[in-house]
PDB file of N, CA and C in Angstrom:
ATOM      1  N   UNK A   1       0.251 -41.715   3.267  1.00  0.00           N
ATOM      2  CA  UNK A   1       0.455 -41.635   1.834  1.00  0.00           C
ATOM      3  C   UNK A   1       1.953 -41.479   1.580  1.00  0.00           C
ATOM      4  N   UNK A   2       2.483 -42.095   0.608  1.00  0.00           N
ATOM      5  CA  UNK A   2       3.902 -42.115   0.394  1.00  0.00           C
ATOM      6  C   UNK A   2       4.149 -41.659  -1.141  1.00  0.00           C
ATOM      7  N   UNK A   3       5.303 -40.910  -1.374  1.00  0.00           N
ATOM      8  CA  UNK A   3       5.592 -40.595  -2.716  1.00  0.00           C
ATOM      9  C   UNK A   3       6.422 -41.616  -3.375  1.00  0.00           C
ATOM     10  N   UNK A   4       6.393 -41.685  -4.619  1.00  0.00           N
ATOM     11  CA  UNK A   4       7.179 -42.724  -5.419  1.00  0.00           C
ATOM     12  C   UNK A   4       8.162 -42.129  -6.370  1.00  0.00           C
ATOM     13  N   UNK A   5       9.274 -42.478  -6.386  1.00  0.00           N
ATOM     14  CA  UNK A   5      10.266 -42.072  -7.430  1.00  0.00           C
ATOM     15  C   UNK A   5      10.725 -43.205  -8.280  1.00  0.00           C
ATOM     16  N   UNK A   6      11.120 -42.996  -9.469  1.00  0.00           N
ATOM     17  CA  UNK A   6      11.608 -44.016 -10.354  1.00  0.00           C
ATOM     18  C   UNK A   6      13.034 -43.676 -10.711  1.00  0.00           C
ATOM     19  N   UNK A   7      13.897 -44.721 -10.720  1.00  0.00           N
ATOM     20  CA  UNK A   7      15.332 -44.470 -11.161  1.00  0.00           C
ATOM     21  C   UNK A   7      15.311 -44.698 -12.669  1.00  0.00           C
ATOM     22  N   UNK A   8      16.519 -44.425 -13.280  1.00  0.00           N
ATOM     23  CA  UNK A   8      16.643 -44.610 -14.717  1.00  0.00           C
ATOM     24  C   UNK A   8      16.469 -46.151 -15.084  1.00  0.00           C
ATOM     25  N   UNK A   9      16.607 -47.088 -14.233  1.00  0.00           N
ATOM     26  CA  UNK A   9      16.481 -48.485 -14.549  1.00  0.00           C
ATOM     27  C   UNK A   9      15.099 -48.916 -14.385  1.00  0.00           C
ATOM     28  N   UNK A  10      14.118 -48.058 -13.991  1.00  0.00           N
ATOM     29  CA  UNK A  10      12.723 -48.363 -13.957  1.00  0.00           C
ATOM     30  C   UNK A  10      12.316 -48.906 -12.621  1.00  0.00           C
ATOM     31  N   UNK A  11      13.218 -49.222 -11.741  1.00  0.00           N
ATOM     32  CA  UNK A  11      12.804 -49.601 -10.408  1.00  0.00           C
ATOM     33  C   UNK A  11      12.203 -48.451  -9.526  1.00  0.00           C
ATOM     34  N   UNK A  12      11.453 -48.728  -8.637  1.00  0.00           N
ATOM     35  CA  UNK A  12      10.817 -47.684  -7.887  1.00  0.00           C
ATOM     36  C   UNK A  12      11.206 -47.858  -6.344  1.00  0.00           C
ATOM     37  N   UNK A  13      11.290 -46.719  -5.682  1.00  0.00           N
ATOM     38  CA  UNK A  13      11.386 -46.812  -4.300  1.00  0.00           C
ATOM     39  C   UNK A  13      10.415 -45.640  -3.712  1.00  0.00           C
ATOM     40  N   UNK A  14       9.966 -45.999  -2.511  1.00  0.00           N
ATOM     41  CA  UNK A  14       9.018 -45.042  -1.909  1.00  0.00           C
ATOM     42  C   UNK A  14       9.732 -44.226  -0.948  1.00  0.00           C
ATOM     43  N   UNK A  15       9.346 -42.881  -0.906  1.00  0.00           N
ATOM     44  CA  UNK A  15       9.773 -41.944   0.106  1.00  0.00           C
ATOM     45  C   UNK A  15       8.678 -41.866   1.178  1.00  0.00           C
ATOM     46  N   UNK A  16       9.112 -41.709   2.321  1.00  0.00           N
ATOM     47  CA  UNK A  16       8.059 -41.493   3.406  1.00  0.00           C
ATOM     48  C   UNK A  16       7.789 -40.093   3.472  1.00  0.00           C
ATOM     49  N   UNK A  17       6.552 -39.806   4.160  1.00  0.00           N
ATOM     50  CA  UNK A  17       6.171 -38.389   4.276  1.00  0.00           C
ATOM     51  C   UNK A  17       7.207 -37.539   5.030  1.00  0.00           C
ATOM     52  N   UNK A  18       7.965 -38.212   5.930  1.00  0.00           N
ATOM     53  CA  UNK A  18       9.016 -37.499   6.705  1.00  0.00           C
ATOM     54  C   UNK A  18      10.153 -37.137   5.836  1.00  0.00           C
ATOM     55  N   UNK A  19      10.434 -37.995   4.815  1.00  0.00           N
ATOM     56  CA  UNK A  19      11.538 -37.690   3.859  1.00  0.00           C
ATOM     57  C   UNK A  19      11.136 -36.527   2.892  1.00  0.00           C
ATOM     58  N   UNK A  20       9.937 -36.558   2.455  1.00  0.00           N
ATOM     59  CA  UNK A  20       9.413 -35.502   1.558  1.00  0.00           C
ATOM     60  C   UNK A  20       9.358 -34.251   2.370  1.00  0.00           C
ATOM     61  N   UNK A  21       8.959 -34.267   3.635  1.00  0.00           N
ATOM     62  CA  UNK A  21       8.843 -33.051   4.414  1.00  0.00           C
ATOM     63  C   UNK A  21      10.267 -32.383   4.590  1.00  0.00           C
ATOM     64  N   UNK A  22      11.267 -33.285   4.863  1.00  0.00           N
ATOM     65  CA  UNK A  22      12.655 -32.778   4.991  1.00  0.00           C
ATOM     66  C   UNK A  22      13.151 -32.129   3.782  1.00  0.00           C
ATOM     67  N   UNK A  23      12.866 -32.806   2.707  1.00  0.00           N
ATOM     68  CA  UNK A  23      13.203 -32.237   1.390  1.00  0.00           C
ATOM     69  C   UNK A  23      12.550 -30.863   1.039  1.00  0.00           C
ATOM     70  N   UNK A  24      11.288 -30.749   1.350  1.00  0.00           N
ATOM     71  CA  UNK A  24      10.461 -29.530   1.231  1.00  0.00           C
ATOM     72  C   UNK A  24      11.079 -28.443   2.135  1.00  0.00           C
ATOM     73  N   UNK A  25      11.304 -28.810   3.310  1.00  0.00           N
ATOM     74  CA  UNK A  25      11.803 -27.869   4.259  1.00  0.00           C
ATOM     75  C   UNK A  25      13.195 -27.320   3.911  1.00  0.00           C
ATOM     76  N   UNK A  26      14.083 -28.235   3.348  1.00  0.00           N
ATOM     77  CA  UNK A  26      15.336 -27.703   2.836  1.00  0.00           C
ATOM     78  C   UNK A  26      15.204 -26.798   1.638  1.00  0.00           C
ATOM     79  N   UNK A  27      14.330 -27.025   0.744  1.00  0.00           N
ATOM     80  CA  UNK A  27      14.073 -26.135  -0.385  1.00  0.00           C
ATOM     81  C   UNK A  27      13.525 -24.797   0.121  1.00  0.00           C
ATOM     82  N   UNK A  28      12.578 -24.823   1.081  1.00  0.00           N
ATOM     83  CA  UNK A  28      12.042 -23.621   1.559  1.00  0.00           C
ATOM     84  C   UNK A  28      13.068 -22.731   2.302  1.00  0.00           C
ATOM     85  N   UNK A  29      13.975 -23.317   3.018  1.00  0.00           N
ATOM     86  CA  UNK A  29      15.087 -22.635   3.688  1.00  0.00           C
ATOM     87  C   UNK A  29      16.015 -21.960   2.545  1.00  0.00           C
ATOM     88  N   UNK A  30      16.280 -22.654   1.513  1.00  0.00           N
ATOM     89  CA  UNK A  30      17.052 -22.077   0.430  1.00  0.00           C
ATOM     90  C   UNK A  30      16.301 -20.830  -0.203  1.00  0.00           C
ATOM     91  N   UNK A  31      15.005 -21.013  -0.347  1.00  0.00           N
ATOM     92  CA  UNK A  31      14.172 -19.895  -0.867  1.00  0.00           C
ATOM     93  C   UNK A  31      14.284 -18.693   0.027  1.00  0.00           C
ATOM     94  N   UNK A  32      14.118 -18.916   1.357  1.00  0.00           N
ATOM     95  CA  UNK A  32      14.165 -17.778   2.271  1.00  0.00           C
ATOM     96  C   UNK A  32      15.510 -17.155   2.324  1.00  0.00           C
ATOM     97  N   UNK A  33      16.593 -17.983   2.208  1.00  0.00           N
ATOM     98  CA  UNK A  33      17.946 -17.378   2.254  1.00  0.00           C
ATOM     99  C   UNK A  33      18.182 -16.523   1.042  1.00  0.00           C
ATOM    100  N   UNK A  34      17.774 -17.113  -0.167  1.00  0.00           N
ATOM    101  CA  UNK A  34      18.091 -16.276  -1.388  1.00  0.00           C
ATOM    102  C   UNK A  34      17.067 -15.053  -1.543  1.00  0.00           C
ATOM    103  N   UNK A  35      15.993 -15.083  -0.898  1.00  0.00           N
ATOM    104  CA  UNK A  35      14.907 -13.948  -1.008  1.00  0.00           C
ATOM    105  C   UNK A  35      14.984 -13.126   0.252  1.00  0.00           C
ATOM    106  N   UNK A  36      15.965 -13.208   1.008  1.00  0.00           N
ATOM    107  CA  UNK A  36      16.026 -12.524   2.349  1.00  0.00           C
ATOM    108  C   UNK A  36      15.761 -11.049   2.211  1.00  0.00           C
ATOM    109  N   UNK A  37      16.269 -10.417   1.119  1.00  0.00           N
ATOM    110  CA  UNK A  37      16.101  -8.912   1.083  1.00  0.00           C
ATOM    111  C   UNK A  37      14.769  -8.509   0.357  1.00  0.00           C
ATOM    112  N   UNK A  38      14.075  -9.558  -0.225  1.00  0.00           N
ATOM    113  CA  UNK A  38      12.795  -9.196  -0.886  1.00  0.00           C
ATOM    114  C   UNK A  38      11.712  -8.859   0.155  1.00  0.00           C
ATOM    115  N   UNK A  39      11.060  -7.779  -0.057  1.00  0.00           N
ATOM    116  CA  UNK A  39       9.917  -7.391   0.854  1.00  0.00           C
ATOM    117  C   UNK A  39       8.581  -7.677   0.125  1.00  0.00           C
ATOM    118  N   UNK A  40       7.707  -8.209   0.929  1.00  0.00           N
ATOM    119  CA  UNK A  40       6.286  -8.406   0.446  1.00  0.00           C
ATOM    120  C   UNK A  40       5.465  -7.225   0.759  1.00  0.00           C
ATOM    121  N   UNK A  41       4.545  -6.842  -0.064  1.00  0.00           N
ATOM    122  CA  UNK A  41       3.679  -5.773   0.247  1.00  0.00           C
ATOM    123  C   UNK A  41       2.746  -6.039   1.337  1.00  0.00           C
ATOM    124  N   UNK A  42       2.282  -5.063   2.032  1.00  0.00           N
ATOM    125  CA  UNK A  42       1.324  -5.257   3.163  1.00  0.00           C
ATOM    126  C   UNK A  42       0.110  -5.928   2.702  1.00  0.00           C
ATOM    127  N   UNK A  43      -0.288  -6.880   3.422  1.00  0.00           N
ATOM    128  CA  UNK A  43      -1.540  -7.679   3.076  1.00  0.00           C
ATOM    129  C   UNK A  43      -1.250  -8.940   2.193  1.00  0.00           C
ATOM    130  N   UNK A  44       0.042  -9.215   1.859  1.00  0.00           N
ATOM    131  CA  UNK A  44       0.385 -10.282   1.055  1.00  0.00           C
ATOM    132  C   UNK A  44       0.671 -11.477   2.043  1.00  0.00           C
ATOM    133  N   UNK A  45       0.019 -12.653   1.690  1.00  0.00           N
ATOM    134  CA  UNK A  45       0.326 -13.839   2.446  1.00  0.00           C
ATOM    135  C   UNK A  45       0.966 -14.843   1.528  1.00  0.00           C
ATOM    136  N   UNK A  46       1.774 -15.601   2.019  1.00  0.00           N
ATOM    137  CA  UNK A  46       2.589 -16.682   1.357  1.00  0.00           C
ATOM    138  C   UNK A  46       2.319 -18.013   1.882  1.00  0.00           C
ATOM    139  N   UNK A  47       2.013 -19.004   1.090  1.00  0.00           N
ATOM    140  CA  UNK A  47       1.908 -20.444   1.515  1.00  0.00           C
ATOM    141  C   UNK A  47       2.743 -21.201   0.534  1.00  0.00           C
ATOM    142  N   UNK A  48       3.214 -22.334   1.058  1.00  0.00           N
ATOM    143  CA  UNK A  48       4.127 -23.184   0.365  1.00  0.00           C
ATOM    144  C   UNK A  48       3.441 -24.585   0.262  1.00  0.00           C
ATOM    145  N   UNK A  49       3.556 -25.279  -0.995  1.00  0.00           N
ATOM    146  CA  UNK A  49       2.930 -26.541  -1.222  1.00  0.00           C
ATOM    147  C   UNK A  49       4.085 -27.445  -1.845  1.00  0.00           C
ATOM    148  N   UNK A  50       3.940 -28.758  -1.447  1.00  0.00           N
ATOM    149  CA  UNK A  50       4.859 -29.701  -2.128  1.00  0.00           C
ATOM    150  C   UNK A  50       3.986 -30.841  -2.794  1.00  0.00           C
ATOM    151  N   UNK A  51       4.596 -31.900  -3.136  1.00  0.00           N
ATOM    152  CA  UNK A  51       3.894 -32.847  -3.932  1.00  0.00           C
ATOM    153  C   UNK A  51       2.852 -33.627  -3.138  1.00  0.00           C
ATOM    154  N   UNK A  52       2.836 -33.391  -1.838  1.00  0.00           N
ATOM    155  CA  UNK A  52       1.784 -33.997  -1.006  1.00  0.00           C
ATOM    156  C   UNK A  52       0.483 -33.183  -0.940  1.00  0.00           C
ATOM    157  N   UNK A  53       0.521 -31.981  -1.446  1.00  0.00           N
ATOM    158  CA  UNK A  53      -0.648 -31.107  -1.361  1.00  0.00           C
ATOM    159  C   UNK A  53      -1.548 -31.298  -2.530  1.00  0.00           C
ATOM    160  N   UNK A  54      -2.909 -31.110  -2.253  1.00  0.00           N
ATOM    161  CA  UNK A  54      -3.814 -31.295  -3.291  1.00  0.00           C
ATOM    162  C   UNK A  54      -3.585 -30.315  -4.518  1.00  0.00           C
ATOM    163  N   UNK A  55      -3.587 -30.843  -5.618  1.00  0.00           N
ATOM    164  CA  UNK A  55      -3.416 -30.034  -6.789  1.00  0.00           C
ATOM    165  C   UNK A  55      -1.856 -29.956  -7.153  1.00  0.00           C
ATOM    166  N   UNK A  56      -0.963 -30.471  -6.375  1.00  0.00           N
ATOM    167  CA  UNK A  56       0.430 -30.325  -6.632  1.00  0.00           C
ATOM    168  C   UNK A  56       1.134 -31.701  -6.650  1.00  0.00           C
ATOM    169  N   UNK A  57       0.373 -32.777  -6.846  1.00  0.00           N
ATOM    170  CA  UNK A  57       0.919 -33.991  -6.903  1.00  0.00           C
ATOM    171  C   UNK A  57       1.878 -34.199  -8.083  1.00  0.00           C
ATOM    172  N   UNK A  58       1.777 -33.380  -8.989  1.00  0.00           N
ATOM    173  CA  UNK A  58       2.750 -33.467 -10.225  1.00  0.00           C
ATOM    174  C   UNK A  58       4.149 -33.008  -9.939  1.00  0.00           C
ATOM    175  N   UNK A  59       4.406 -32.364  -8.766  1.00  0.00           N
ATOM    176  CA  UNK A  59       5.663 -31.775  -8.461  1.00  0.00           C
ATOM    177  C   UNK A  59       6.549 -33.088  -7.957  1.00  0.00           C
ATOM    178  N   UNK A  60       7.838 -33.007  -8.155  1.00  0.00           N
ATOM    179  CA  UNK A  60       8.766 -34.050  -7.668  1.00  0.00           C
ATOM    180  C   UNK A  60       9.094 -33.745  -6.261  1.00  0.00           C
ATOM    181  N   UNK A  61       9.482 -34.731  -5.476  1.00  0.00           N
ATOM    182  CA  UNK A  61       9.851 -34.481  -4.068  1.00  0.00           C
ATOM    183  C   UNK A  61      11.039 -33.510  -4.054  1.00  0.00           C
ATOM    184  N   UNK A  62      10.839 -32.525  -3.177  1.00  0.00           N
ATOM    185  CA  UNK A  62      11.858 -31.422  -2.977  1.00  0.00           C
ATOM    186  C   UNK A  62      11.560 -30.236  -3.728  1.00  0.00           C
ATOM    187  N   UNK A  63      10.576 -30.282  -4.704  1.00  0.00           N
ATOM    188  CA  UNK A  63      10.114 -29.159  -5.383  1.00  0.00           C
ATOM    189  C   UNK A  63       9.083 -28.426  -4.646  1.00  0.00           C
ATOM    190  N   UNK A  64       9.057 -27.123  -4.697  1.00  0.00           N
ATOM    191  CA  UNK A  64       8.063 -26.419  -3.880  1.00  0.00           C
ATOM    192  C   UNK A  64       7.241 -25.357  -4.812  1.00  0.00           C
ATOM    193  N   UNK A  65       5.929 -25.313  -4.551  1.00  0.00           N
ATOM    194  CA  UNK A  65       5.123 -24.235  -5.200  1.00  0.00           C
ATOM    195  C   UNK A  65       4.894 -23.132  -4.182  1.00  0.00           C
ATOM    196  N   UNK A  66       5.156 -21.898  -4.505  1.00  0.00           N
ATOM    197  CA  UNK A  66       4.817 -20.846  -3.554  1.00  0.00           C
ATOM    198  C   UNK A  66       3.632 -20.003  -4.127  1.00  0.00           C
ATOM    199  N   UNK A  67       2.545 -19.895  -3.221  1.00  0.00           N
ATOM    200  CA  UNK A  67       1.424 -19.066  -3.613  1.00  0.00           C
ATOM    201  C   UNK A  67       1.504 -17.783  -2.831  1.00  0.00           C
ATOM    202  N   UNK A  68       1.422 -16.708  -3.495  1.00  0.00           N
ATOM    203  CA  UNK A  68       1.412 -15.393  -2.916  1.00  0.00           C
ATOM    204  C   UNK A  68      -0.064 -14.785  -3.230  1.00  0.00           C
ATOM    205  N   UNK A  69      -0.722 -14.519  -2.154  1.00  0.00           N
ATOM    206  CA  UNK A  69      -2.119 -13.936  -2.270  1.00  0.00           C
ATOM    207  C   UNK A  69      -1.954 -12.428  -1.847  1.00  0.00           C
ATOM    208  N   UNK A  70      -2.199 -11.562  -2.796  1.00  0.00           N
ATOM    209  CA  UNK A  70      -2.131 -10.126  -2.597  1.00  0.00           C
ATOM    210  C   UNK A  70      -3.439  -9.679  -2.060  1.00  0.00           C
ATOM    211  N   UNK A  71      -3.385  -8.318  -1.603  1.00  0.00           N
ATOM    212  CA  UNK A  71      -4.568  -7.872  -0.980  1.00  0.00           C
ATOM    213  C   UNK A  71      -5.775  -7.791  -1.840  1.00  0.00           C
ATOM    214  N   UNK A  72      -5.714  -7.790  -3.139  1.00  0.00           N
ATOM    215  CA  UNK A  72      -6.827  -7.752  -3.989  1.00  0.00           C
ATOM    216  C   UNK A  72      -7.505  -9.130  -4.055  1.00  0.00           C
ATOM    217  N   UNK A  73      -6.783 -10.235  -3.629  1.00  0.00           N
ATOM    218  CA  UNK A  73      -7.285 -11.536  -3.721  1.00  0.00           C
ATOM    219  C   UNK A  73      -6.616 -12.387  -4.811  1.00  0.00           C
ATOM    220  N   UNK A  74      -5.899 -11.668  -5.696  1.00  0.00           N
ATOM    221  CA  UNK A  74      -5.196 -12.462  -6.765  1.00  0.00           C
ATOM    222  C   UNK A  74      -4.078 -13.274  -6.281  1.00  0.00           C
ATOM    223  N   UNK A  75      -3.930 -14.483  -6.791  1.00  0.00           N
ATOM    224  CA  UNK A  75      -2.890 -15.462  -6.427  1.00  0.00           C
ATOM    225  C   UNK A  75      -1.843 -15.563  -7.402  1.00  0.00           C
ATOM    226  N   UNK A  76      -0.592 -15.385  -7.073  1.00  0.00           N
ATOM    227  CA  UNK A  76       0.579 -15.539  -7.923  1.00  0.00           C
ATOM    228  C   UNK A  76       1.250 -16.831  -7.536  1.00  0.00           C
ATOM    229  N   UNK A  77       1.555 -17.671  -8.411  1.00  0.00           N
ATOM    230  CA  UNK A  77       2.167 -18.964  -8.066  1.00  0.00           C
ATOM    231  C   UNK A  77       3.634 -18.987  -8.825  1.00  0.00           C
ATOM    232  N   UNK A  78       4.555 -19.386  -7.985  1.00  0.00           N
ATOM    233  CA  UNK A  78       5.982 -19.502  -8.288  1.00  0.00           C
ATOM    234  C   UNK A  78       6.447 -20.841  -8.013  1.00  0.00           C
ATOM    235  N   UNK A  79       7.395 -21.458  -8.592  1.00  0.00           N
ATOM    236  CA  UNK A  79       7.948 -22.743  -8.367  1.00  0.00           C
ATOM    237  C   UNK A  79       9.442 -22.722  -8.107  1.00  0.00           C
ATOM    238  N   UNK A  80       9.925 -23.676  -7.232  1.00  0.00           N
ATOM    239  CA  UNK A  80      11.352 -23.712  -6.956  1.00  0.00           C
ATOM    240  C   UNK A  80      11.756 -25.212  -6.907  1.00  0.00           C
ATOM    241  N   UNK A  81      12.966 -25.444  -7.519  1.00  0.00           N
ATOM    242  CA  UNK A  81      13.524 -26.767  -7.504  1.00  0.00           C
ATOM    243  C   UNK A  81      14.291 -26.970  -6.168  1.00  0.00           C
ATOM    244  N   UNK A  82      14.794 -28.221  -5.959  1.00  0.00           N
ATOM    245  CA  UNK A  82      15.541 -28.483  -4.654  1.00  0.00           C
ATOM    246  C   UNK A  82      16.724 -27.551  -4.390  1.00  0.00           C
ATOM    247  N   UNK A  83      17.327 -26.975  -5.545  1.00  0.00           N
ATOM    248  CA  UNK A  83      18.384 -26.011  -5.442  1.00  0.00           C
ATOM    249  C   UNK A  83      18.023 -24.682  -5.124  1.00  0.00           C
ATOM    250  N   UNK A  84      16.751 -24.372  -5.079  1.00  0.00           N
ATOM    251  CA  UNK A  84      16.243 -23.075  -4.871  1.00  0.00           C
ATOM    252  C   UNK A  84      16.072 -22.210  -6.032  1.00  0.00           C
ATOM    253  N   UNK A  85      16.268 -22.882  -7.233  1.00  0.00           N
ATOM    254  CA  UNK A  85      16.046 -22.065  -8.608  1.00  0.00           C
ATOM    255  C   UNK A  85      14.522 -21.814  -8.751  1.00  0.00           C
ATOM    256  N   UNK A  86      14.364 -20.652  -9.335  1.00  0.00           N
ATOM    257  CA  UNK A  86      13.027 -20.106  -9.549  1.00  0.00           C
ATOM    258  C   UNK A  86      12.430 -20.397 -10.847  1.00  0.00           C
ATOM    259  N   UNK A  87      11.210 -20.743 -10.926  1.00  0.00           N
ATOM    260  CA  UNK A  87      10.452 -20.979 -12.174  1.00  0.00           C
ATOM    261  C   UNK A  87       9.192 -20.152 -12.134  1.00  0.00           C
ATOM    262  N   UNK A  88       8.852 -19.413 -13.207  1.00  0.00           N
ATOM    263  CA  UNK A  88       7.708 -18.468 -12.991  1.00  0.00           C
ATOM    264  C   UNK A  88       6.346 -19.094 -13.413  1.00  0.00           C
ATOM    265  N   UNK A  89       6.501 -20.327 -13.864  1.00  0.00           N
ATOM    266  CA  UNK A  89       5.056 -20.964 -14.176  1.00  0.00           C
ATOM    267  C   UNK A  89       5.210 -22.523 -14.093  1.00  0.00           C
ATOM    268  N   UNK A  90       4.012 -23.158 -14.105  1.00  0.00           N
ATOM    269  CA  UNK A  90       4.063 -24.610 -14.203  1.00  0.00           C
ATOM    270  C   UNK A  90       4.643 -25.057 -15.509  1.00  0.00           C
ATOM    271  N   UNK A  91       4.314 -24.379 -16.582  1.00  0.00           N
ATOM    272  CA  UNK A  91       4.796 -24.746 -17.867  1.00  0.00           C
ATOM    273  C   UNK A  91       6.304 -24.688 -17.906  1.00  0.00           C
ATOM    274  N   UNK A  92       6.935 -23.731 -17.326  1.00  0.00           N
ATOM    275  CA  UNK A  92       8.353 -23.650 -17.311  1.00  0.00           C
ATOM    276  C   UNK A  92       8.994 -24.794 -16.511  1.00  0.00           C
ATOM    277  N   UNK A  93       8.378 -25.188 -15.408  1.00  0.00           N
ATOM    278  CA  UNK A  93       8.745 -26.481 -14.700  1.00  0.00           C
ATOM    279  C   UNK A  93       8.630 -27.681 -15.576  1.00  0.00           C
ATOM    280  N   UNK A  94       7.588 -27.876 -16.187  1.00  0.00           N
ATOM    281  CA  UNK A  94       7.370 -29.083 -17.029  1.00  0.00           C
ATOM    282  C   UNK A  94       8.418 -28.937 -18.252  1.00  0.00           C
ATOM    283  N   UNK A  95       8.711 -27.905 -18.787  1.00  0.00           N
ATOM    284  CA  UNK A  95       9.682 -27.833 -19.797  1.00  0.00           C
ATOM    285  C   UNK A  95      11.066 -28.159 -19.410  1.00  0.00           C
ATOM    286  N   UNK A  96      11.415 -27.748 -18.246  1.00  0.00           N
ATOM    287  CA  UNK A  96      12.722 -28.010 -17.516  1.00  0.00           C
ATOM    288  C   UNK A  96      12.773 -29.495 -17.297  1.00  0.00           C
ATOM    289  N   UNK A  97      11.698 -30.131 -16.702  1.00  0.00           N
ATOM    290  CA  UNK A  97      11.847 -31.524 -16.365  1.00  0.00           C
ATOM    291  C   UNK A  97      12.055 -32.309 -17.648  1.00  0.00           C
ATOM    292  N   UNK A  98      11.273 -31.921 -18.729  1.00  0.00           N
ATOM    293  CA  UNK A  98      11.493 -32.708 -20.000  1.00  0.00           C
ATOM    294  C   UNK A  98      12.855 -32.472 -20.569  1.00  0.00           C
ATOM    295  N   UNK A  99      13.230 -31.270 -20.654  1.00  0.00           N
ATOM    296  CA  UNK A  99      14.402 -30.995 -21.349  1.00  0.00           C
ATOM    297  C   UNK A  99      15.795 -31.488 -20.644  1.00  0.00           C
ATOM    298  N   UNK A 100      15.864 -31.405 -19.334  1.00  0.00           N
ATOM    299  CA  UNK A 100      17.083 -31.855 -18.642  1.00  0.00           C
ATOM    300  C   UNK A 100      16.962 -33.148 -18.006  1.00  0.00           C
ATOM    301  N   UNK A 101      15.764 -33.668 -17.657  1.00  0.00           N
ATOM    302  CA  UNK A 101      15.666 -34.932 -16.878  1.00  0.00           C
ATOM    303  C   UNK A 101      14.942 -35.991 -17.855  1.00  0.00           C
ATOM    304  N   UNK A 102      14.443 -35.572 -18.918  1.00  0.00           N
ATOM    305  CA  UNK A 102      13.688 -36.432 -19.759  1.00  0.00           C
ATOM    306  C   UNK A 102      12.357 -36.999 -19.138  1.00  0.00           C
ATOM    307  N   UNK A 103      11.839 -36.115 -18.374  1.00  0.00           N
ATOM    308  CA  UNK A 103      10.503 -36.529 -17.619  1.00  0.00           C
ATOM    309  C   UNK A 103       9.456 -35.829 -18.351  1.00  0.00           C
ATOM    310  N   UNK A 104       8.386 -36.581 -18.735  1.00  0.00           N
ATOM    311  CA  UNK A 104       7.173 -35.999 -19.297  1.00  0.00           C
ATOM    312  C   UNK A 104       6.045 -36.258 -18.415  1.00  0.00           C
ATOM    313  N   UNK A 105       5.499 -35.193 -17.883  1.00  0.00           N
ATOM    314  CA  UNK A 105       4.347 -35.230 -16.922  1.00  0.00           C
ATOM    315  C   UNK A 105       3.082 -35.296 -17.718  1.00  0.00           C
ATOM    316  N   UNK A 106       2.270 -36.333 -17.619  1.00  0.00           N
ATOM    317  CA  UNK A 106       1.089 -36.567 -18.456  1.00  0.00           C
ATOM    318  C   UNK A 106      -0.072 -36.049 -17.777  1.00  0.00           C
ATOM    319  N   UNK A 107      -0.134 -36.008 -16.403  1.00  0.00           N
ATOM    320  CA  UNK A 107      -1.304 -35.552 -15.681  1.00  0.00           C
ATOM    321  C   UNK A 107      -1.005 -34.563 -14.656  1.00  0.00           C
ATOM    322  N   UNK A 108      -1.483 -33.336 -14.951  1.00  0.00           N
ATOM    323  CA  UNK A 108      -1.142 -32.252 -13.889  1.00  0.00           C
ATOM    324  C   UNK A 108      -2.319 -31.719 -13.142  1.00  0.00           C
TER     325      UNK A 108
END
């Protein structure tokens, strides 16, 4: 499976899974670097998802969703752009994409 991006001229180019994985890895490294002092509570697990993960196909390549599952079972989701900037909800990501990039996501 390959991701597809579109330029401002409407042409498309496909990204390989390896390219997407490299972009995801770079974003996660930025997240870890900027959150180095943040401590998670005992029993909290963290997983990361990119645009290749089920339910996260709406993310652009290089964007990462972080899921934190706390001991009670509740899941907190946070989102990061390729620069490592934090977004507290899917709605905030969608608003950013529309406002700054002119991208409107129709199917999430």
